[in-house]
Amino acid sequence: MCGKYRLTRSQKHLKEHVNAYGEVAVFPRYNIAPSQAVITIRQEARKPVRRLSTMRWGLLPSWAKDMYIGYKTINARAETVHNSVVPGTL
């Protein structure tokens, strides 16, 4: 998983070029790290409407019972996935 990324587009740009709506404050961020809230563009399943919203950036496995496991999966790699399978979850 990629650890960090950046967001340099303005709210006006997202609304005009992606046709997304929402009242979420969008501002440039140059060091977005896992566990932080970030702007996302979501499309409703049955409607052709895109909305700006926030979500937490990171990887949370379906078997996780605690969201803090996401801090341990930041650098997850396919090469070592066999070492990190929780017994009894398959």
PDB file of N, CA and C in Angstrom:
ATOM      1  N   MET A   1       0.840  -1.172   0.000  1.00  0.00           N
ATOM      2  CA  MET A   1       0.000   0.000   0.000  1.00  0.00           C
ATOM      3  C   MET A   1       0.885   1.235   0.000  1.00  0.00           C
ATOM      4  N   CYS A   2       0.494   2.226  -0.735  1.00  0.00           N
ATOM      5  CA  CYS A   2       1.223   3.485  -0.751  1.00  0.00           C
ATOM      6  C   CYS A   2       0.971   4.208   0.567  1.00  0.00           C
ATOM      7  N   GLY A   3       2.014   4.700   1.191  1.00  0.00           N
ATOM      8  CA  GLY A   3       1.868   5.329   2.490  1.00  0.00           C
ATOM      9  C   GLY A   3       1.290   6.735   2.451  1.00  0.00           C
ATOM     10  N   LYS A   4       1.796   7.593   1.580  1.00  0.00           N
ATOM     11  CA  LYS A   4       1.366   8.994   1.587  1.00  0.00           C
ATOM     12  C   LYS A   4       1.088   9.480   0.175  1.00  0.00           C
ATOM     13  N   TYR A   5       0.283  10.514   0.077  1.00  0.00           N
ATOM     14  CA  TYR A   5       0.029  11.154  -1.206  1.00  0.00           C
ATOM     15  C   TYR A   5      -0.326  12.615  -0.970  1.00  0.00           C
ATOM     16  N   ARG A   6      -0.641  13.342  -2.036  1.00  0.00           N
ATOM     17  CA  ARG A   6      -0.959  14.766  -1.899  1.00  0.00           C
ATOM     18  C   ARG A   6      -2.248  15.101  -2.632  1.00  0.00           C
ATOM     19  N   LEU A   7      -2.855  16.197  -2.235  1.00  0.00           N
ATOM     20  CA  LEU A   7      -4.064  16.718  -2.882  1.00  0.00           C
ATOM     21  C   LEU A   7      -3.806  18.189  -3.174  1.00  0.00           C
ATOM     22  N   THR A   8      -3.772  18.534  -4.455  1.00  0.00           N
ATOM     23  CA  THR A   8      -3.456  19.916  -4.820  1.00  0.00           C
ATOM     24  C   THR A   8      -4.585  20.618  -5.553  1.00  0.00           C
ATOM     25  N   ARG A   9      -5.659  19.912  -5.835  1.00  0.00           N
ATOM     26  CA  ARG A   9      -6.784  20.522  -6.548  1.00  0.00           C
ATOM     27  C   ARG A   9      -7.709  21.260  -5.591  1.00  0.00           C
ATOM     28  N   SER A  10      -8.315  22.314  -6.083  1.00  0.00           N
ATOM     29  CA  SER A  10      -9.228  23.109  -5.273  1.00  0.00           C
ATOM     30  C   SER A  10     -10.630  22.507  -5.302  1.00  0.00           C
ATOM     31  N   GLN A  11     -11.470  22.964  -4.400  1.00  0.00           N
ATOM     32  CA  GLN A  11     -12.854  22.509  -4.364  1.00  0.00           C
ATOM     33  C   GLN A  11     -13.561  22.925  -5.651  1.00  0.00           C
ATOM     34  N   LYS A  12     -13.283  24.100  -6.130  1.00  0.00           N
ATOM     35  CA  LYS A  12     -13.880  24.583  -7.379  1.00  0.00           C
ATOM     36  C   LYS A  12     -13.498  23.665  -8.541  1.00  0.00           C
ATOM     37  N   HIS A  13     -12.228  23.288  -8.617  1.00  0.00           N
ATOM     38  CA  HIS A  13     -11.767  22.397  -9.683  1.00  0.00           C
ATOM     39  C   HIS A  13     -12.479  21.042  -9.606  1.00  0.00           C
ATOM     40  N   LEU A  14     -12.585  20.476  -8.423  1.00  0.00           N
ATOM     41  CA  LEU A  14     -13.255  19.176  -8.278  1.00  0.00           C
ATOM     42  C   LEU A  14     -14.723  19.262  -8.687  1.00  0.00           C
ATOM     43  N   LYS A  15     -15.389  20.325  -8.271  1.00  0.00           N
ATOM     44  CA  LYS A  15     -16.806  20.477  -8.610  1.00  0.00           C
ATOM     45  C   LYS A  15     -17.008  20.650 -10.116  1.00  0.00           C
ATOM     46  N   GLU A  16     -16.121  21.398 -10.770  1.00  0.00           N
ATOM     47  CA  GLU A  16     -16.277  21.673 -12.193  1.00  0.00           C
ATOM     48  C   GLU A  16     -15.833  20.509 -13.068  1.00  0.00           C
ATOM     49  N   HIS A  17     -14.693  19.904 -12.777  1.00  0.00           N
ATOM     50  CA  HIS A  17     -14.121  18.888 -13.665  1.00  0.00           C
ATOM     51  C   HIS A  17     -14.568  17.462 -13.359  1.00  0.00           C
ATOM     52  N   VAL A  18     -14.984  17.207 -12.151  1.00  0.00           N
ATOM     53  CA  VAL A  18     -15.419  15.866 -11.790  1.00  0.00           C
ATOM     54  C   VAL A  18     -16.925  15.825 -11.594  1.00  0.00           C
ATOM     55  N   ASN A  19     -17.532  16.997 -11.588  1.00  0.00           N
ATOM     56  CA  ASN A  19     -18.976  17.117 -11.401  1.00  0.00           C
ATOM     57  C   ASN A  19     -19.410  16.519 -10.061  1.00  0.00           C
ATOM     58  N   ALA A  20     -18.692  16.913  -9.006  1.00  0.00           N
ATOM     59  CA  ALA A  20     -18.991  16.410  -7.666  1.00  0.00           C
ATOM     60  C   ALA A  20     -19.503  17.556  -6.804  1.00  0.00           C
ATOM     61  N   TYR A  21     -20.422  17.228  -5.908  1.00  0.00           N
ATOM     62  CA  TYR A  21     -21.035  18.229  -5.053  1.00  0.00           C
ATOM     63  C   TYR A  21     -20.846  17.856  -3.595  1.00  0.00           C
ATOM     64  N   GLY A  22     -20.850  18.852  -2.740  1.00  0.00           N
ATOM     65  CA  GLY A  22     -20.748  18.606  -1.311  1.00  0.00           C
ATOM     66  C   GLY A  22     -20.254  19.834  -0.592  1.00  0.00           C
ATOM     67  N   GLU A  23     -20.496  19.858   0.675  1.00  0.00           N
ATOM     68  CA  GLU A  23     -20.091  20.998   1.498  1.00  0.00           C
ATOM     69  C   GLU A  23     -18.886  20.642   2.364  1.00  0.00           C
ATOM     70  N   VAL A  24     -17.932  19.956   1.787  1.00  0.00           N
ATOM     71  CA  VAL A  24     -16.717  19.564   2.492  1.00  0.00           C
ATOM     72  C   VAL A  24     -15.633  20.568   2.140  1.00  0.00           C
ATOM     73  N   ALA A  25     -14.917  21.053   3.133  1.00  0.00           N
ATOM     74  CA  ALA A  25     -13.832  22.004   2.888  1.00  0.00           C
ATOM     75  C   ALA A  25     -12.660  21.287   2.229  1.00  0.00           C
ATOM     76  N   VAL A  26     -12.266  21.760   1.057  1.00  0.00           N
ATOM     77  CA  VAL A  26     -11.146  21.180   0.323  1.00  0.00           C
ATOM     78  C   VAL A  26     -10.042  22.216   0.271  1.00  0.00           C
ATOM     79  N   PHE A  27      -8.853  21.830   0.688  1.00  0.00           N
ATOM     80  CA  PHE A  27      -7.708  22.725   0.621  1.00  0.00           C
ATOM     81  C   PHE A  27      -6.472  21.893   0.306  1.00  0.00           C
ATOM     82  N   PRO A  28      -5.448  22.490  -0.295  1.00  0.00           N
ATOM     83  CA  PRO A  28      -4.255  21.728  -0.654  1.00  0.00           C
ATOM     84  C   PRO A  28      -3.595  21.097   0.570  1.00  0.00           C
ATOM     85  N   ARG A  29      -3.187  19.844   0.414  1.00  0.00           N
ATOM     86  CA  ARG A  29      -2.452  19.120   1.458  1.00  0.00           C
ATOM     87  C   ARG A  29      -1.342  18.348   0.766  1.00  0.00           C
ATOM     88  N   TYR A  30      -0.136  18.465   1.273  1.00  0.00           N
ATOM     89  CA  TYR A  30       1.019  17.905   0.585  1.00  0.00           C
ATOM     90  C   TYR A  30       1.634  16.702   1.293  1.00  0.00           C
ATOM     91  N   ASN A  31       1.043  16.246   2.368  1.00  0.00           N
ATOM     92  CA  ASN A  31       1.600  15.115   3.098  1.00  0.00           C
ATOM     93  C   ASN A  31       0.473  14.325   3.768  1.00  0.00           C
ATOM     94  N   ILE A  32      -0.414  13.761   2.982  1.00  0.00           N
ATOM     95  CA  ILE A  32      -1.541  13.008   3.520  1.00  0.00           C
ATOM     96  C   ILE A  32      -1.043  11.618   3.888  1.00  0.00           C
ATOM     97  N   ALA A  33      -1.209  11.260   5.142  1.00  0.00           N
ATOM     98  CA  ALA A  33      -0.691   9.987   5.658  1.00  0.00           C
ATOM     99  C   ALA A  33      -1.834   9.073   6.087  1.00  0.00           C
ATOM    100  N   PRO A  34      -1.570   7.770   6.160  1.00  0.00           N
ATOM    101  CA  PRO A  34      -2.583   6.835   6.646  1.00  0.00           C
ATOM    102  C   PRO A  34      -3.124   7.257   8.001  1.00  0.00           C
ATOM    103  N   SER A  35      -4.385   7.000   8.210  1.00  0.00           N
ATOM    104  CA  SER A  35      -5.170   7.309   9.416  1.00  0.00           C
ATOM    105  C   SER A  35      -5.770   8.710   9.397  1.00  0.00           C
ATOM    106  N   GLN A  36      -5.418   9.547   8.434  1.00  0.00           N
ATOM    107  CA  GLN A  36      -5.970  10.887   8.359  1.00  0.00           C
ATOM    108  C   GLN A  36      -7.256  10.914   7.542  1.00  0.00           C
ATOM    109  N   ALA A  37      -8.135  11.835   7.852  1.00  0.00           N
ATOM    110  CA  ALA A  37      -9.359  12.027   7.071  1.00  0.00           C
ATOM    111  C   ALA A  37      -8.994  12.745   5.780  1.00  0.00           C
ATOM    112  N   VAL A  38      -9.517  12.247   4.658  1.00  0.00           N
ATOM    113  CA  VAL A  38      -9.215  12.821   3.351  1.00  0.00           C
ATOM    114  C   VAL A  38     -10.490  12.998   2.540  1.00  0.00           C
ATOM    115  N   ILE A  39     -10.416  13.860   1.546  1.00  0.00           N
ATOM    116  CA  ILE A  39     -11.541  14.107   0.652  1.00  0.00           C
ATOM    117  C   ILE A  39     -11.651  12.948  -0.335  1.00  0.00           C
ATOM    118  N   THR A  40     -12.861  12.475  -0.542  1.00  0.00           N
ATOM    119  CA  THR A  40     -13.113  11.433  -1.532  1.00  0.00           C
ATOM    120  C   THR A  40     -14.279  11.858  -2.421  1.00  0.00           C
ATOM    121  N   ILE A  41     -14.352  11.262  -3.579  1.00  0.00           N
ATOM    122  CA  ILE A  41     -15.485  11.474  -4.478  1.00  0.00           C
ATOM    123  C   ILE A  41     -16.223  10.153  -4.538  1.00  0.00           C
ATOM    124  N   ARG A  42     -17.467  10.157  -4.105  1.00  0.00           N
ATOM    125  CA  ARG A  42     -18.263   8.937  -4.066  1.00  0.00           C
ATOM    126  C   ARG A  42     -19.473   9.070  -4.968  1.00  0.00           C
ATOM    127  N   GLN A  43     -19.809   7.982  -5.628  1.00  0.00           N
ATOM    128  CA  GLN A  43     -21.008   7.974  -6.463  1.00  0.00           C
ATOM    129  C   GLN A  43     -22.008   7.015  -5.848  1.00  0.00           C
ATOM    130  N   GLU A  44     -23.234   7.487  -5.705  1.00  0.00           N
ATOM    131  CA  GLU A  44     -24.277   6.648  -5.139  1.00  0.00           C
ATOM    132  C   GLU A  44     -24.568   5.482  -6.074  1.00  0.00           C
ATOM    133  N   ALA A  45     -24.886   4.338  -5.504  1.00  0.00           N
ATOM    134  CA  ALA A  45     -25.062   3.111  -6.284  1.00  0.00           C
ATOM    135  C   ALA A  45     -26.182   3.203  -7.312  1.00  0.00           C
ATOM    136  N   ARG A  46     -27.268   3.836  -6.984  1.00  0.00           N
ATOM    137  CA  ARG A  46     -28.421   3.845  -7.882  1.00  0.00           C
ATOM    138  C   ARG A  46     -28.708   5.202  -8.517  1.00  0.00           C
ATOM    139  N   LYS A  47     -27.831   6.162  -8.252  1.00  0.00           N
ATOM    140  CA  LYS A  47     -28.040   7.498  -8.805  1.00  0.00           C
ATOM    141  C   LYS A  47     -26.741   7.972  -9.459  1.00  0.00           C
ATOM    142  N   PRO A  48     -26.833   8.682 -10.559  1.00  0.00           N
ATOM    143  CA  PRO A  48     -25.620   9.205 -11.192  1.00  0.00           C
ATOM    144  C   PRO A  48     -25.167  10.518 -10.547  1.00  0.00           C
ATOM    145  N   VAL A  49     -25.036  10.530  -9.235  1.00  0.00           N
ATOM    146  CA  VAL A  49     -24.655  11.734  -8.505  1.00  0.00           C
ATOM    147  C   VAL A  49     -23.335  11.482  -7.794  1.00  0.00           C
ATOM    148  N   ARG A  50     -22.367  12.367  -7.993  1.00  0.00           N
ATOM    149  CA  ARG A  50     -21.080  12.267  -7.299  1.00  0.00           C
ATOM    150  C   ARG A  50     -21.059  13.277  -6.168  1.00  0.00           C
ATOM    151  N   ARG A  51     -20.579  12.829  -5.010  1.00  0.00           N
ATOM    152  CA  ARG A  51     -20.536  13.694  -3.829  1.00  0.00           C
ATOM    153  C   ARG A  51     -19.133  13.740  -3.238  1.00  0.00           C
ATOM    154  N   LEU A  52     -18.758  14.919  -2.769  1.00  0.00           N
ATOM    155  CA  LEU A  52     -17.524  15.063  -2.015  1.00  0.00           C
ATOM    156  C   LEU A  52     -17.814  14.670  -0.575  1.00  0.00           C
ATOM    157  N   SER A  53     -16.987  13.841  -0.013  1.00  0.00           N
ATOM    158  CA  SER A  53     -17.148  13.455   1.387  1.00  0.00           C
ATOM    159  C   SER A  53     -15.768  13.155   1.958  1.00  0.00           C
ATOM    160  N   THR A  54     -15.703  12.823   3.213  1.00  0.00           N
ATOM    161  CA  THR A  54     -14.429  12.476   3.830  1.00  0.00           C
ATOM    162  C   THR A  54     -14.441  11.009   4.256  1.00  0.00           C
ATOM    163  N   MET A  55     -13.270  10.411   4.196  1.00  0.00           N
ATOM    164  CA  MET A  55     -13.063   9.037   4.644  1.00  0.00           C
ATOM    165  C   MET A  55     -11.685   8.965   5.281  1.00  0.00           C
ATOM    166  N   ARG A  56     -11.454   7.913   6.044  1.00  0.00           N
ATOM    167  CA  ARG A  56     -10.141   7.716   6.659  1.00  0.00           C
ATOM    168  C   ARG A  56      -9.255   6.949   5.680  1.00  0.00           C
ATOM    169  N   TRP A  57      -8.042   7.465   5.428  1.00  0.00           N
ATOM    170  CA  TRP A  57      -7.096   6.854   4.506  1.00  0.00           C
ATOM    171  C   TRP A  57      -6.369   5.720   5.209  1.00  0.00           C
ATOM    172  N   GLY A  58      -6.367   4.538   4.603  1.00  0.00           N
ATOM    173  CA  GLY A  58      -5.622   3.417   5.157  1.00  0.00           C
ATOM    174  C   GLY A  58      -6.178   2.079   4.711  1.00  0.00           C
ATOM    175  N   LEU A  59      -5.586   1.023   5.230  1.00  0.00           N
ATOM    176  CA  LEU A  59      -5.962  -0.339   4.904  1.00  0.00           C
ATOM    177  C   LEU A  59      -6.471  -1.015   6.164  1.00  0.00           C
ATOM    178  N   LEU A  60      -7.733  -1.413   6.153  1.00  0.00           N
ATOM    179  CA  LEU A  60      -8.327  -2.097   7.298  1.00  0.00           C
ATOM    180  C   LEU A  60      -8.854  -3.439   6.808  1.00  0.00           C
ATOM    181  N   PRO A  61      -8.192  -4.543   7.178  1.00  0.00           N
ATOM    182  CA  PRO A  61      -8.629  -5.863   6.725  1.00  0.00           C
ATOM    183  C   PRO A  61     -10.031  -6.205   7.224  1.00  0.00           C
ATOM    184  N   SER A  62     -10.738  -7.039   6.472  1.00  0.00           N
ATOM    185  CA  SER A  62     -12.111  -7.408   6.846  1.00  0.00           C
ATOM    186  C   SER A  62     -12.160  -8.168   8.161  1.00  0.00           C
ATOM    187  N   TRP A  63     -11.070  -8.842   8.539  1.00  0.00           N
ATOM    188  CA  TRP A  63     -11.046  -9.621   9.777  1.00  0.00           C
ATOM    189  C   TRP A  63     -10.687  -8.797  11.003  1.00  0.00           C
ATOM    190  N   ALA A  64     -10.350  -7.543  10.821  1.00  0.00           N
ATOM    191  CA  ALA A  64      -9.910  -6.708  11.941  1.00  0.00           C
ATOM    192  C   ALA A  64     -11.061  -6.431  12.910  1.00  0.00           C
ATOM    193  N   LYS A  65     -10.792  -6.591  14.178  1.00  0.00           N
ATOM    194  CA  LYS A  65     -11.784  -6.300  15.213  1.00  0.00           C
ATOM    195  C   LYS A  65     -11.573  -4.910  15.796  1.00  0.00           C
ATOM    196  N   ASP A  66     -10.438  -4.315  15.514  1.00  0.00           N
ATOM    197  CA  ASP A  66     -10.082  -3.010  16.041  1.00  0.00           C
ATOM    198  C   ASP A  66      -9.514  -2.176  14.897  1.00  0.00           C
ATOM    199  N   MET A  67      -9.984  -0.941  14.739  1.00  0.00           N
ATOM    200  CA  MET A  67      -9.509  -0.119  13.623  1.00  0.00           C
ATOM    201  C   MET A  67      -8.027   0.225  13.735  1.00  0.00           C
ATOM    202  N   TYR A  68      -7.422   0.067  14.900  1.00  0.00           N
ATOM    203  CA  TYR A  68      -6.015   0.403  15.073  1.00  0.00           C
ATOM    204  C   TYR A  68      -5.081  -0.619  14.433  1.00  0.00           C
ATOM    205  N   ILE A  69      -5.617  -1.753  13.978  1.00  0.00           N
ATOM    206  CA  ILE A  69      -4.807  -2.714  13.221  1.00  0.00           C
ATOM    207  C   ILE A  69      -4.328  -2.065  11.927  1.00  0.00           C
ATOM    208  N   GLY A  70      -5.040  -1.053  11.478  1.00  0.00           N
ATOM    209  CA  GLY A  70      -4.659  -0.336  10.265  1.00  0.00           C
ATOM    210  C   GLY A  70      -3.287   0.288  10.351  1.00  0.00           C
ATOM    211  N   TYR A  71      -2.837   0.673  11.541  1.00  0.00           N
ATOM    212  CA  TYR A  71      -1.493   1.235  11.698  1.00  0.00           C
ATOM    213  C   TYR A  71      -0.430   0.177  11.417  1.00  0.00           C
ATOM    214  N   LYS A  72      -0.740  -1.089  11.678  1.00  0.00           N
ATOM    215  CA  LYS A  72       0.222  -2.171  11.461  1.00  0.00           C
ATOM    216  C   LYS A  72       0.221  -2.647  10.015  1.00  0.00           C
ATOM    217  N   THR A  73      -0.810  -2.312   9.256  1.00  0.00           N
ATOM    218  CA  THR A  73      -0.898  -2.766   7.867  1.00  0.00           C
ATOM    219  C   THR A  73      -0.501  -1.687   6.864  1.00  0.00           C
ATOM    220  N   ILE A  74       0.077  -0.604   7.323  1.00  0.00           N
ATOM    221  CA  ILE A  74       0.455   0.497   6.431  1.00  0.00           C
ATOM    222  C   ILE A  74       1.406   0.017   5.340  1.00  0.00           C
ATOM    223  N   ASN A  75       2.356  -0.809   5.694  1.00  0.00           N
ATOM    224  CA  ASN A  75       3.338  -1.286   4.720  1.00  0.00           C
ATOM    225  C   ASN A  75       3.072  -2.721   4.303  1.00  0.00           C
ATOM    226  N   ALA A  76       1.829  -3.117   4.181  1.00  0.00           N
ATOM    227  CA  ALA A  76       1.465  -4.478   3.781  1.00  0.00           C
ATOM    228  C   ALA A  76       1.994  -4.779   2.383  1.00  0.00           C
ATOM    229  N   ARG A  77       2.496  -5.998   2.205  1.00  0.00           N
ATOM    230  CA  ARG A  77       3.036  -6.405   0.910  1.00  0.00           C
ATOM    231  C   ARG A  77       2.522  -7.789   0.550  1.00  0.00           C
ATOM    232  N   ALA A  78       2.310  -8.011  -0.706  1.00  0.00           N
ATOM    233  CA  ALA A  78       1.826  -9.310  -1.177  1.00  0.00           C
ATOM    234  C   ALA A  78       2.849 -10.408  -0.921  1.00  0.00           C
ATOM    235  N   GLU A  79       4.135 -10.065  -0.938  1.00  0.00           N
ATOM    236  CA  GLU A  79       5.185 -11.065  -0.762  1.00  0.00           C
ATOM    237  C   GLU A  79       5.159 -11.701   0.623  1.00  0.00           C
ATOM    238  N   THR A  80       4.627 -10.995   1.620  1.00  0.00           N
ATOM    239  CA  THR A  80       4.642 -11.520   2.989  1.00  0.00           C
ATOM    240  C   THR A  80       3.250 -11.729   3.561  1.00  0.00           C
ATOM    241  N   VAL A  81       2.234 -11.767   2.714  1.00  0.00           N
ATOM    242  CA  VAL A  81       0.873 -11.908   3.210  1.00  0.00           C
ATOM    243  C   VAL A  81       0.680 -13.231   3.948  1.00  0.00           C
ATOM    244  N   HIS A  82       1.387 -14.276   3.552  1.00  0.00           N
ATOM    245  CA  HIS A  82       1.256 -15.571   4.215  1.00  0.00           C
ATOM    246  C   HIS A  82       1.732 -15.528   5.669  1.00  0.00           C
ATOM    247  N   ASN A  83       2.554 -14.552   6.019  1.00  0.00           N
ATOM    248  CA  ASN A  83       3.029 -14.404   7.397  1.00  0.00           C
ATOM    249  C   ASN A  83       2.049 -13.640   8.290  1.00  0.00           C
ATOM    250  N   SER A  84       1.070 -12.981   7.709  1.00  0.00           N
ATOM    251  CA  SER A  84       0.205 -12.109   8.496  1.00  0.00           C
ATOM    252  C   SER A  84      -1.260 -12.560   8.548  1.00  0.00           C
ATOM    253  N   VAL A  85      -1.556 -13.759   8.091  1.00  0.00           N
ATOM    254  CA  VAL A  85      -2.922 -14.255   8.134  1.00  0.00           C
ATOM    255  C   VAL A  85      -3.245 -14.663   9.558  1.00  0.00           C
ATOM    256  N   VAL A  86      -4.359 -14.191  10.058  1.00  0.00           N
ATOM    257  CA  VAL A  86      -4.782 -14.529  11.416  1.00  0.00           C
ATOM    258  C   VAL A  86      -5.375 -15.933  11.410  1.00  0.00           C
ATOM    259  N   PRO A  87      -4.897 -16.826  12.290  1.00  0.00           N
ATOM    260  CA  PRO A  87      -5.424 -18.194  12.321  1.00  0.00           C
ATOM    261  C   PRO A  87      -6.936 -18.204  12.560  1.00  0.00           C
ATOM    262  N   GLY A  88      -7.609 -19.079  11.819  1.00  0.00           N
ATOM    263  CA  GLY A  88      -9.043 -19.219  11.981  1.00  0.00           C
ATOM    264  C   GLY A  88      -9.890 -18.245  11.179  1.00  0.00           C
ATOM    265  N   THR A  89      -9.259 -17.389  10.377  1.00  0.00           N
ATOM    266  CA  THR A  89     -10.037 -16.414   9.608  1.00  0.00           C
ATOM    267  C   THR A  89     -10.284 -16.857   8.178  1.00  0.00           C
ATOM    268  N   LEU A  90      -9.639 -17.931   7.741  1.00  0.00           N
ATOM    269  CA  LEU A  90      -9.850 -18.396   6.365  1.00  0.00           C
ATOM    270  C   LEU A  90     -10.824 -19.537   6.322  1.00  0.00           C
TER     271      LEU A  90
END
